All heavy atoms as atom14 arrays in JSON, in Angstrom:
{
  "sequence": "TNVLVTGGTGFLGKLLIEKLLRTCSDIVRIYMIVRPKKGKTAL",
  "atom14_mask": [
    [1, 1, 1, 1, 1, 1, 1, 0, 0, 0, 0, 0, 0, 0],
    [1, 1, 1, 1, 1, 1, 1, 1, 0, 0, 0, 0, 0, 0],
    [1, 1, 1, 1, 1, 1, 1, 0, 0, 0, 0, 0, 0, 0],
    [1, 1, 1, 1, 1, 1, 1, 1, 0, 0, 0, 0, 0, 0],
    [1, 1, 1, 1, 1, 1, 1, 0, 0, 0, 0, 0, 0, 0],
    [1, 1, 1, 1, 1, 1, 1, 0, 0, 0, 0, 0, 0, 0],
    [1, 1, 1, 1, 0, 0, 0, 0, 0, 0, 0, 0, 0, 0],
    [1, 1, 1, 1, 0, 0, 0, 0, 0, 0, 0, 0, 0, 0],
    [1, 1, 1, 1, 1, 1, 1, 0, 0, 0, 0, 0, 0, 0],
    [1, 1, 1, 1, 0, 0, 0, 0, 0, 0, 0, 0, 0, 0],
    [1, 1, 1, 1, 1, 1, 1, 1, 1, 1, 1, 0, 0, 0],
    [1, 1, 1, 1, 1, 1, 1, 1, 0, 0, 0, 0, 0, 0],
    [1, 1, 1, 1, 0, 0, 0, 0, 0, 0, 0, 0, 0, 0],
    [1, 1, 1, 1, 1, 1, 1, 1, 1, 0, 0, 0, 0, 0],
    [1, 1, 1, 1, 1, 1, 1, 1, 0, 0, 0, 0, 0, 0],
    [1, 1, 1, 1, 1, 1, 1, 1, 0, 0, 0, 0, 0, 0],
    [1, 1, 1, 1, 1, 1, 1, 1, 0, 0, 0, 0, 0, 0],
    [1, 1, 1, 1, 1, 1, 1, 1, 1, 0, 0, 0, 0, 0],
    [1, 1, 1, 1, 1, 1, 1, 1, 1, 0, 0, 0, 0, 0],
    [1, 1, 1, 1, 1, 1, 1, 1, 0, 0, 0, 0, 0, 0],
    [1, 1, 1, 1, 1, 1, 1, 1, 0, 0, 0, 0, 0, 0],
    [1, 1, 1, 1, 1, 1, 1, 1, 1, 1, 1, 0, 0, 0],
    [1, 1, 1, 1, 1, 1, 1, 0, 0, 0, 0, 0, 0, 0],
    [1, 1, 1, 1, 1, 1, 0, 0, 0, 0, 0, 0, 0, 0],
    [1, 1, 1, 1, 1, 1, 0, 0, 0, 0, 0, 0, 0, 0],
    [1, 1, 1, 1, 1, 1, 1, 1, 0, 0, 0, 0, 0, 0],
    [1, 1, 1, 1, 1, 1, 1, 1, 0, 0, 0, 0, 0, 0],
    [1, 1, 1, 1, 1, 1, 1, 0, 0, 0, 0, 0, 0, 0],
    [1, 1, 1, 1, 1, 1, 1, 1, 1, 1, 1, 0, 0, 0],
    [1, 1, 1, 1, 1, 1, 1, 1, 0, 0, 0, 0, 0, 0],
    [1, 1, 1, 1, 1, 1, 1, 1, 1, 1, 1, 1, 0, 0],
    [1, 1, 1, 1, 1, 1, 1, 1, 0, 0, 0, 0, 0, 0],
    [1, 1, 1, 1, 1, 1, 1, 1, 0, 0, 0, 0, 0, 0],
    [1, 1, 1, 1, 1, 1, 1, 0, 0, 0, 0, 0, 0, 0],
    [1, 1, 1, 1, 1, 1, 1, 1, 1, 1, 1, 0, 0, 0],
    [1, 1, 1, 1, 1, 1, 1, 0, 0, 0, 0, 0, 0, 0],
    [1, 1, 1, 1, 1, 1, 1, 1, 1, 0, 0, 0, 0, 0],
    [1, 1, 1, 1, 1, 1, 1, 1, 1, 0, 0, 0, 0, 0],
    [1, 1, 1, 1, 0, 0, 0, 0, 0, 0, 0, 0, 0, 0],
    [1, 1, 1, 1, 1, 1, 1, 1, 1, 0, 0, 0, 0, 0],
    [1, 1, 1, 1, 1, 1, 1, 0, 0, 0, 0, 0, 0, 0],
    [1, 1, 1, 1, 1, 0, 0, 0, 0, 0, 0, 0, 0, 0],
    [1, 1, 1, 1, 1, 1, 1, 1, 0, 0, 0, 0, 0, 0]
  ],
  "atom14_positions": [
    [[-48.77, -218.01, -5.87], [-47.64, -217.4, -6.66], [-48.12, -216.08, -7.23], [-49.28, -215.81, -7.41], [-47.19, -218.28, -7.8], [-48.26, -218.54, -8.71], [-46.69, -219.64, -7.3], [0.0, 0.0, 0.0], [0.0, 0.0, 0.0], [0.0, 0.0, 0.0], [0.0, 0.0, 0.0], [0.0, 0.0, 0.0], [0.0, 0.0, 0.0], [0.0, 0.0, 0.0]],
    [[-47.09, -215.25, -7.58], [-47.28, -214.03, -8.28], [-46.65, -214.21, -9.7], [-45.48, -214.69, -9.78], [-46.66, -212.81, -7.56], [-47.28, -212.62, -6.29], [-48.51, -212.44, -6.08], [-46.41, -212.57, -5.23], [0.0, 0.0, 0.0], [0.0, 0.0, 0.0], [0.0, 0.0, 0.0], [0.0, 0.0, 0.0], [0.0, 0.0, 0.0], [0.0, 0.0, 0.0]],
    [[-47.41, -213.86, -10.7], [-47.0, -214.23, -12.1], [-46.87, -212.92, -12.88], [-47.73, -212.09, -12.83], [-48.0, -215.21, -12.75], [-47.57, -215.46, -14.17], [-48.16, -216.51, -11.97], [0.0, 0.0, 0.0], [0.0, 0.0, 0.0], [0.0, 0.0, 0.0], [0.0, 0.0, 0.0], [0.0, 0.0, 0.0], [0.0, 0.0, 0.0], [0.0, 0.0, 0.0]],
    [[-45.78, -212.8, -13.65], [-45.59, -211.71, -14.6], [-45.84, -212.19, -16.04], [-45.14, -213.17, -16.4], [-44.21, -211.11, -14.47], [-43.72, -210.15, -15.59], [-44.69, -208.91, -15.57], [-42.34, -209.72, -15.38], [0.0, 0.0, 0.0], [0.0, 0.0, 0.0], [0.0, 0.0, 0.0], [0.0, 0.0, 0.0], [0.0, 0.0, 0.0], [0.0, 0.0, 0.0]],
    [[-46.73, -211.58, -16.74], [-46.96, -211.89, -18.13], [-46.65, -210.68, -18.97], [-47.28, -209.63, -18.81], [-48.42, -212.31, -18.39], [-48.68, -212.52, -19.83], [-48.79, -213.56, -17.57], [0.0, 0.0, 0.0], [0.0, 0.0, 0.0], [0.0, 0.0, 0.0], [0.0, 0.0, 0.0], [0.0, 0.0, 0.0], [0.0, 0.0, 0.0], [0.0, 0.0, 0.0]],
    [[-45.7, -210.81, -19.92], [-45.4, -209.77, -20.84], [-46.21, -210.05, -22.14], [-46.49, -211.22, -22.43], [-43.93, -209.64, -21.14], [-43.53, -210.87, -21.91], [-43.09, -209.51, -19.91], [0.0, 0.0, 0.0], [0.0, 0.0, 0.0], [0.0, 0.0, 0.0], [0.0, 0.0, 0.0], [0.0, 0.0, 0.0], [0.0, 0.0, 0.0], [0.0, 0.0, 0.0]],
    [[-46.57, -209.01, -22.86], [-47.38, -209.21, -23.94], [-48.84, -209.56, -23.67], [-49.56, -210.21, -24.44], [0.0, 0.0, 0.0], [0.0, 0.0, 0.0], [0.0, 0.0, 0.0], [0.0, 0.0, 0.0], [0.0, 0.0, 0.0], [0.0, 0.0, 0.0], [0.0, 0.0, 0.0], [0.0, 0.0, 0.0], [0.0, 0.0, 0.0], [0.0, 0.0, 0.0]],
    [[-49.31, -209.14, -22.54], [-50.64, -209.45, -22.03], [-51.75, -208.89, -22.87], [-52.93, -209.43, -22.77], [0.0, 0.0, 0.0], [0.0, 0.0, 0.0], [0.0, 0.0, 0.0], [0.0, 0.0, 0.0], [0.0, 0.0, 0.0], [0.0, 0.0, 0.0], [0.0, 0.0, 0.0], [0.0, 0.0, 0.0], [0.0, 0.0, 0.0], [0.0, 0.0, 0.0]],
    [[-51.48, -207.91, -23.66], [-52.58, -207.33, -24.57], [-52.59, -207.93, -25.89], [-53.42, -207.63, -26.77], [-52.41, -205.84, -24.71], [-51.07, -205.56, -25.26], [-52.51, -205.07, -23.36], [0.0, 0.0, 0.0], [0.0, 0.0, 0.0], [0.0, 0.0, 0.0], [0.0, 0.0, 0.0], [0.0, 0.0, 0.0], [0.0, 0.0, 0.0], [0.0, 0.0, 0.0]],
    [[-51.61, -208.88, -26.18], [-51.55, -209.58, -27.46], [-52.45, -210.75, -27.49], [-53.12, -211.14, -26.48], [0.0, 0.0, 0.0], [0.0, 0.0, 0.0], [0.0, 0.0, 0.0], [0.0, 0.0, 0.0], [0.0, 0.0, 0.0], [0.0, 0.0, 0.0], [0.0, 0.0, 0.0], [0.0, 0.0, 0.0], [0.0, 0.0, 0.0], [0.0, 0.0, 0.0]],
    [[-52.56, -211.47, -28.61], [-53.42, -212.62, -28.8], [-53.11, -213.7, -27.86], [-54.01, -214.15, -27.06], [-53.27, -213.1, -30.25], [-54.04, -214.33, -30.55], [-55.37, -214.47, -30.34], [-53.42, -215.45, -31.13], [-56.12, -215.59, -30.57], [-54.12, -216.64, -31.41], [-55.46, -216.69, -31.13], [0.0, 0.0, 0.0], [0.0, 0.0, 0.0], [0.0, 0.0, 0.0]],
    [[-51.87, -214.18, -27.78], [-51.52, -215.23, -26.84], [-51.53, -214.76, -25.43], [-51.9, -215.55, -24.49], [-50.14, -215.85, -27.21], [-50.03, -216.67, -28.48], [-48.6, -217.12, -28.65], [-50.94, -217.85, -28.36], [0.0, 0.0, 0.0], [0.0, 0.0, 0.0], [0.0, 0.0, 0.0], [0.0, 0.0, 0.0], [0.0, 0.0, 0.0], [0.0, 0.0, 0.0]],
    [[-51.17, -213.5, -25.15], [-51.22, -212.94, -23.87], [-52.51, -212.98, -23.21], [-52.65, -213.32, -22.01], [0.0, 0.0, 0.0], [0.0, 0.0, 0.0], [0.0, 0.0, 0.0], [0.0, 0.0, 0.0], [0.0, 0.0, 0.0], [0.0, 0.0, 0.0], [0.0, 0.0, 0.0], [0.0, 0.0, 0.0], [0.0, 0.0, 0.0], [0.0, 0.0, 0.0]],
    [[-53.56, -212.5, -24.01], [-54.9, -212.58, -23.44], [-55.33, -213.99, -23.05], [-55.87, -214.21, -21.92], [-55.92, -212.02, -24.47], [-55.86, -210.54, -24.71], [-56.92, -210.14, -25.79], [-57.13, -208.67, -25.92], [-55.94, -207.99, -26.53], [0.0, 0.0, 0.0], [0.0, 0.0, 0.0], [0.0, 0.0, 0.0], [0.0, 0.0, 0.0], [0.0, 0.0, 0.0]],
    [[-55.05, -214.91, -23.91], [-55.43, -216.33, -23.7], [-54.62, -216.87, -22.42], [-55.29, -217.64, -21.68], [-55.18, -217.2, -24.92], [-56.09, -216.92, -26.05], [-55.57, -217.64, -27.33], [-57.55, -217.38, -25.78], [0.0, 0.0, 0.0], [0.0, 0.0, 0.0], [0.0, 0.0, 0.0], [0.0, 0.0, 0.0], [0.0, 0.0, 0.0], [0.0, 0.0, 0.0]],
    [[-53.42, -216.51, -22.32], [-52.59, -216.98, -21.24], [-53.16, -216.51, -19.92], [-53.31, -217.3, -18.99], [-51.12, -216.59, -21.45], [-50.12, -216.92, -20.31], [-50.11, -218.47, -20.09], [-48.79, -216.48, -20.74], [0.0, 0.0, 0.0], [0.0, 0.0, 0.0], [0.0, 0.0, 0.0], [0.0, 0.0, 0.0], [0.0, 0.0, 0.0], [0.0, 0.0, 0.0]],
    [[-53.44, -215.2, -19.81], [-53.92, -214.65, -18.58], [-55.27, -215.28, -18.23], [-55.52, -215.64, -17.11], [-54.05, -213.1, -18.7], [-52.67, -212.52, -18.69], [-54.85, -212.58, -17.53], [-52.64, -211.03, -18.97], [0.0, 0.0, 0.0], [0.0, 0.0, 0.0], [0.0, 0.0, 0.0], [0.0, 0.0, 0.0], [0.0, 0.0, 0.0], [0.0, 0.0, 0.0]],
    [[-56.15, -215.37, -19.24], [-57.5, -215.97, -19.04], [-57.34, -217.41, -18.45], [-58.05, -217.77, -17.48], [-58.27, -215.93, -20.28], [-59.77, -216.25, -20.15], [-60.09, -217.77, -20.03], [-59.24, -218.52, -20.54], [-61.21, -218.08, -19.57], [0.0, 0.0, 0.0], [0.0, 0.0, 0.0], [0.0, 0.0, 0.0], [0.0, 0.0, 0.0], [0.0, 0.0, 0.0]],
    [[-56.51, -218.19, -19.14], [-56.37, -219.61, -18.73], [-55.79, -219.72, -17.3], [-56.23, -220.61, -16.45], [-55.4, -220.29, -19.74], [-55.15, -221.74, -19.39], [-56.19, -222.7, -19.97], [-55.79, -224.14, -19.87], [-56.73, -225.1, -20.43], [0.0, 0.0, 0.0], [0.0, 0.0, 0.0], [0.0, 0.0, 0.0], [0.0, 0.0, 0.0], [0.0, 0.0, 0.0]],
    [[-54.82, -218.93, -17.0], [-54.23, -218.97, -15.64], [-55.26, -218.64, -14.58], [-55.33, -219.36, -13.56], [-53.04, -218.01, -15.59], [-51.71, -218.35, -16.26], [-50.83, -217.21, -16.31], [-51.09, -219.61, -15.54], [0.0, 0.0, 0.0], [0.0, 0.0, 0.0], [0.0, 0.0, 0.0], [0.0, 0.0, 0.0], [0.0, 0.0, 0.0], [0.0, 0.0, 0.0]],
    [[-56.06, -217.61, -14.81], [-57.04, -217.2, -13.83], [-58.11, -218.24, -13.68], [-58.68, -218.48, -12.6], [-57.64, -215.88, -14.18], [-56.72, -214.69, -14.11], [-57.38, -213.41, -14.68], [-56.29, -214.39, -12.6], [0.0, 0.0, 0.0], [0.0, 0.0, 0.0], [0.0, 0.0, 0.0], [0.0, 0.0, 0.0], [0.0, 0.0, 0.0], [0.0, 0.0, 0.0]],
    [[-58.48, -218.84, -14.78], [-59.64, -219.79, -14.77], [-59.22, -221.16, -14.25], [-60.03, -221.81, -13.58], [-60.21, -219.95, -16.2], [-61.33, -220.86, -16.39], [-62.1, -220.69, -17.69], [-61.2, -220.63, -18.81], [-60.7, -221.71, -19.44], [-61.02, -222.89, -19.06], [-59.85, -221.56, -20.47], [0.0, 0.0, 0.0], [0.0, 0.0, 0.0], [0.0, 0.0, 0.0]],
    [[-57.99, -221.56, -14.42], [-57.69, -222.99, -14.06], [-56.76, -223.04, -12.83], [-56.69, -224.09, -12.2], [-56.91, -223.69, -15.22], [-55.72, -222.96, -15.49], [-57.82, -223.78, -16.42], [0.0, 0.0, 0.0], [0.0, 0.0, 0.0], [0.0, 0.0, 0.0], [0.0, 0.0, 0.0], [0.0, 0.0, 0.0], [0.0, 0.0, 0.0], [0.0, 0.0, 0.0]],
    [[-56.12, -221.98, -12.51], [-55.25, -221.9, -11.33], [-55.79, -220.9, -10.34], [-55.21, -219.78, -10.19], [-53.83, -221.63, -11.69], [-53.16, -222.71, -12.98], [0.0, 0.0, 0.0], [0.0, 0.0, 0.0], [0.0, 0.0, 0.0], [0.0, 0.0, 0.0], [0.0, 0.0, 0.0], [0.0, 0.0, 0.0], [0.0, 0.0, 0.0], [0.0, 0.0, 0.0]],
    [[-56.87, -221.24, -9.66], [-57.65, -220.32, -8.86], [-56.86, -219.7, -7.7], [-57.28, -218.73, -7.15], [-58.95, -220.95, -8.39], [-58.64, -222.13, -7.63], [0.0, 0.0, 0.0], [0.0, 0.0, 0.0], [0.0, 0.0, 0.0], [0.0, 0.0, 0.0], [0.0, 0.0, 0.0], [0.0, 0.0, 0.0], [0.0, 0.0, 0.0], [0.0, 0.0, 0.0]],
    [[-55.8, -220.36, -7.2], [-55.13, -219.94, -6.07], [-53.88, -219.03, -6.37], [-53.15, -218.68, -5.49], [-54.64, -221.09, -5.22], [-55.83, -221.83, -4.54], [-56.77, -221.13, -4.13], [-55.72, -223.07, -4.41], [0.0, 0.0, 0.0], [0.0, 0.0, 0.0], [0.0, 0.0, 0.0], [0.0, 0.0, 0.0], [0.0, 0.0, 0.0], [0.0, 0.0, 0.0]],
    [[-53.8, -218.58, -7.64], [-52.81, -217.61, -7.97], [-53.13, -216.35, -7.17], [-54.22, -215.93, -7.06], [-52.79, -217.29, -9.49], [-52.04, -218.38, -10.26], [-52.2, -215.94, -9.78], [-51.97, -218.16, -11.75], [0.0, 0.0, 0.0], [0.0, 0.0, 0.0], [0.0, 0.0, 0.0], [0.0, 0.0, 0.0], [0.0, 0.0, 0.0], [0.0, 0.0, 0.0]],
    [[-52.09, -215.73, -6.63], [-52.31, -214.49, -5.86], [-52.55, -213.35, -6.74], [-53.55, -212.57, -6.62], [-51.06, -214.19, -4.94], [-51.33, -212.89, -4.15], [-50.85, -215.39, -3.96], [0.0, 0.0, 0.0], [0.0, 0.0, 0.0], [0.0, 0.0, 0.0], [0.0, 0.0, 0.0], [0.0, 0.0, 0.0], [0.0, 0.0, 0.0], [0.0, 0.0, 0.0]],
    [[-51.66, -213.05, -7.71], [-51.85, -211.95, -8.62], [-51.09, -212.22, -9.91], [-50.13, -212.98, -9.97], [-51.44, -210.62, -8.02], [-49.97, -210.43, -7.77], [-49.66, -209.06, -7.13], [-50.38, -208.91, -5.87], [-49.88, -209.27, -4.62], [-48.74, -209.87, -4.59], [-50.58, -209.11, -3.58], [0.0, 0.0, 0.0], [0.0, 0.0, 0.0], [0.0, 0.0, 0.0]],
    [[-51.49, -211.49, -10.99], [-50.86, -211.51, -12.27], [-50.47, -210.16, -12.65], [-51.31, -209.21, -12.71], [-51.72, -212.17, -13.37], [-52.04, -213.61, -13.12], [-51.1, -212.01, -14.75], [-52.91, -214.29, -14.09], [0.0, 0.0, 0.0], [0.0, 0.0, 0.0], [0.0, 0.0, 0.0], [0.0, 0.0, 0.0], [0.0, 0.0, 0.0], [0.0, 0.0, 0.0]],
    [[-49.12, -209.87, -12.77], [-48.67, -208.61, -13.2], [-48.74, -208.55, -14.76], [-48.37, -209.43, -15.48], [-47.28, -208.35, -12.71], [-47.11, -208.22, -11.21], [-46.34, -209.21, -10.56], [-47.7, -207.26, -10.52], [-46.26, -209.18, -9.15], [-47.53, -207.14, -9.19], [-46.83, -208.15, -8.44], [-46.69, -208.02, -7.15], [0.0, 0.0, 0.0], [0.0, 0.0, 0.0]],
    [[-49.12, -207.37, -15.26], [-49.26, -207.21, -16.69], [-48.71, -205.85, -17.05], [-49.08, -204.79, -16.55], [-50.76, -207.31, -17.04], [-51.09, -207.15, -18.46], [-52.92, -207.35, -18.68], [-53.11, -206.68, -20.31], [0.0, 0.0, 0.0], [0.0, 0.0, 0.0], [0.0, 0.0, 0.0], [0.0, 0.0, 0.0], [0.0, 0.0, 0.0], [0.0, 0.0, 0.0]],
    [[-47.72, -205.85, -17.97], [-47.11, -204.58, -18.39], [-47.75, -204.07, -19.65], [-47.96, -204.75, -20.64], [-45.61, -204.85, -18.7], [-44.87, -205.42, -17.48], [-44.92, -203.54, -19.2], [-43.47, -205.7, -17.72], [0.0, 0.0, 0.0], [0.0, 0.0, 0.0], [0.0, 0.0, 0.0], [0.0, 0.0, 0.0], [0.0, 0.0, 0.0], [0.0, 0.0, 0.0]],
    [[-48.27, -202.79, -19.59], [-49.03, -202.24, -20.63], [-48.42, -200.88, -20.98], [-48.05, -200.08, -20.09], [-50.51, -202.02, -20.24], [-51.38, -201.47, -21.4], [-51.16, -203.34, -19.76], [0.0, 0.0, 0.0], [0.0, 0.0, 0.0], [0.0, 0.0, 0.0], [0.0, 0.0, 0.0], [0.0, 0.0, 0.0], [0.0, 0.0, 0.0], [0.0, 0.0, 0.0]],
    [[-48.45, -200.51, -22.24], [-47.88, -199.21, -22.69], [-49.03, -198.37, -23.25], [-50.0, -198.9, -23.82], [-46.79, -199.37, -23.77], [-47.3, -199.95, -25.05], [-46.11, -200.19, -25.99], [-46.56, -200.87, -27.23], [-46.76, -200.26, -28.43], [-46.62, -198.94, -28.54], [-47.07, -200.92, -29.45], [0.0, 0.0, 0.0], [0.0, 0.0, 0.0], [0.0, 0.0, 0.0]],
    [[-48.9, -197.03, -23.23], [-49.83, -196.23, -23.91], [-49.7, -196.42, -25.41], [-48.61, -196.7, -25.94], [-49.4, -194.77, -23.57], [-48.44, -194.92, -22.36], [-47.83, -196.31, -22.51], [0.0, 0.0, 0.0], [0.0, 0.0, 0.0], [0.0, 0.0, 0.0], [0.0, 0.0, 0.0], [0.0, 0.0, 0.0], [0.0, 0.0, 0.0], [0.0, 0.0, 0.0]],
    [[-50.8, -196.27, -26.15], [-50.7, -196.52, -27.61], [-51.92, -195.82, -28.29], [-53.04, -195.85, -27.83], [-50.78, -198.03, -27.87], [-50.66, -198.41, -29.32], [-50.71, -199.97, -29.39], [-50.59, -200.44, -30.9], [-50.69, -201.92, -31.0], [0.0, 0.0, 0.0], [0.0, 0.0, 0.0], [0.0, 0.0, 0.0], [0.0, 0.0, 0.0], [0.0, 0.0, 0.0]],
    [[-51.58, -195.26, -29.43], [-52.61, -194.56, -30.29], [-53.54, -193.62, -29.51], [-54.78, -193.74, -29.68], [-53.41, -195.73, -31.06], [-52.57, -196.53, -31.98], [-53.41, -197.58, -32.67], [-52.56, -198.42, -33.66], [-53.32, -199.47, -34.35], [0.0, 0.0, 0.0], [0.0, 0.0, 0.0], [0.0, 0.0, 0.0], [0.0, 0.0, 0.0], [0.0, 0.0, 0.0]],
    [[-52.94, -192.81, -28.68], [-53.75, -191.78, -27.98], [-54.45, -192.29, -26.77], [-55.14, -191.52, -26.09], [0.0, 0.0, 0.0], [0.0, 0.0, 0.0], [0.0, 0.0, 0.0], [0.0, 0.0, 0.0], [0.0, 0.0, 0.0], [0.0, 0.0, 0.0], [0.0, 0.0, 0.0], [0.0, 0.0, 0.0], [0.0, 0.0, 0.0], [0.0, 0.0, 0.0]],
    [[-54.24, -193.61, -26.42], [-54.94, -194.15, -25.24], [-53.85, -194.4, -24.16], [-52.71, -194.82, -24.42], [-55.55, -195.51, -25.59], [-56.76, -195.31, -26.53], [-57.42, -196.69, -26.79], [-58.62, -196.55, -27.72], [-59.27, -197.8, -28.04], [0.0, 0.0, 0.0], [0.0, 0.0, 0.0], [0.0, 0.0, 0.0], [0.0, 0.0, 0.0], [0.0, 0.0, 0.0]],
    [[-54.22, -194.12, -22.92], [-53.38, -194.35, -21.83], [-53.18, -195.81, -21.6], [-53.99, -196.64, -22.04], [-53.86, -193.64, -20.55], [-55.07, -194.3, -20.15], [-54.08, -192.17, -20.76], [0.0, 0.0, 0.0], [0.0, 0.0, 0.0], [0.0, 0.0, 0.0], [0.0, 0.0, 0.0], [0.0, 0.0, 0.0], [0.0, 0.0, 0.0], [0.0, 0.0, 0.0]],
    [[-52.16, -196.2, -20.8], [-51.97, -197.61, -20.42], [-53.19, -198.1, -19.69], [-53.66, -199.24, -19.96], [-50.7, -197.73, -19.61], [0.0, 0.0, 0.0], [0.0, 0.0, 0.0], [0.0, 0.0, 0.0], [0.0, 0.0, 0.0], [0.0, 0.0, 0.0], [0.0, 0.0, 0.0], [0.0, 0.0, 0.0], [0.0, 0.0, 0.0], [0.0, 0.0, 0.0]],
    [[-53.75, -197.38, -18.77], [-54.91, -197.72, -18.0], [-56.12, -197.97, -18.88], [-56.85, -198.88, -18.67], [-55.21, -196.71, -16.94], [-56.37, -197.02, -15.91], [-56.12, -198.37, -15.26], [-56.58, -195.93, -14.97], [0.0, 0.0, 0.0], [0.0, 0.0, 0.0], [0.0, 0.0, 0.0], [0.0, 0.0, 0.0], [0.0, 0.0, 0.0], [0.0, 0.0, 0.0]]
  ]
}
């Protein structure tokens, strides 16, 4: 599956992405939406 996680840079978002990758090893990809903030680019 391909999974979209919004809020991936937040507290729960980080834990959610980590848990999905660690326990569901056959996930194809996880999409993560990130915005520029405080002078830093999204990348």
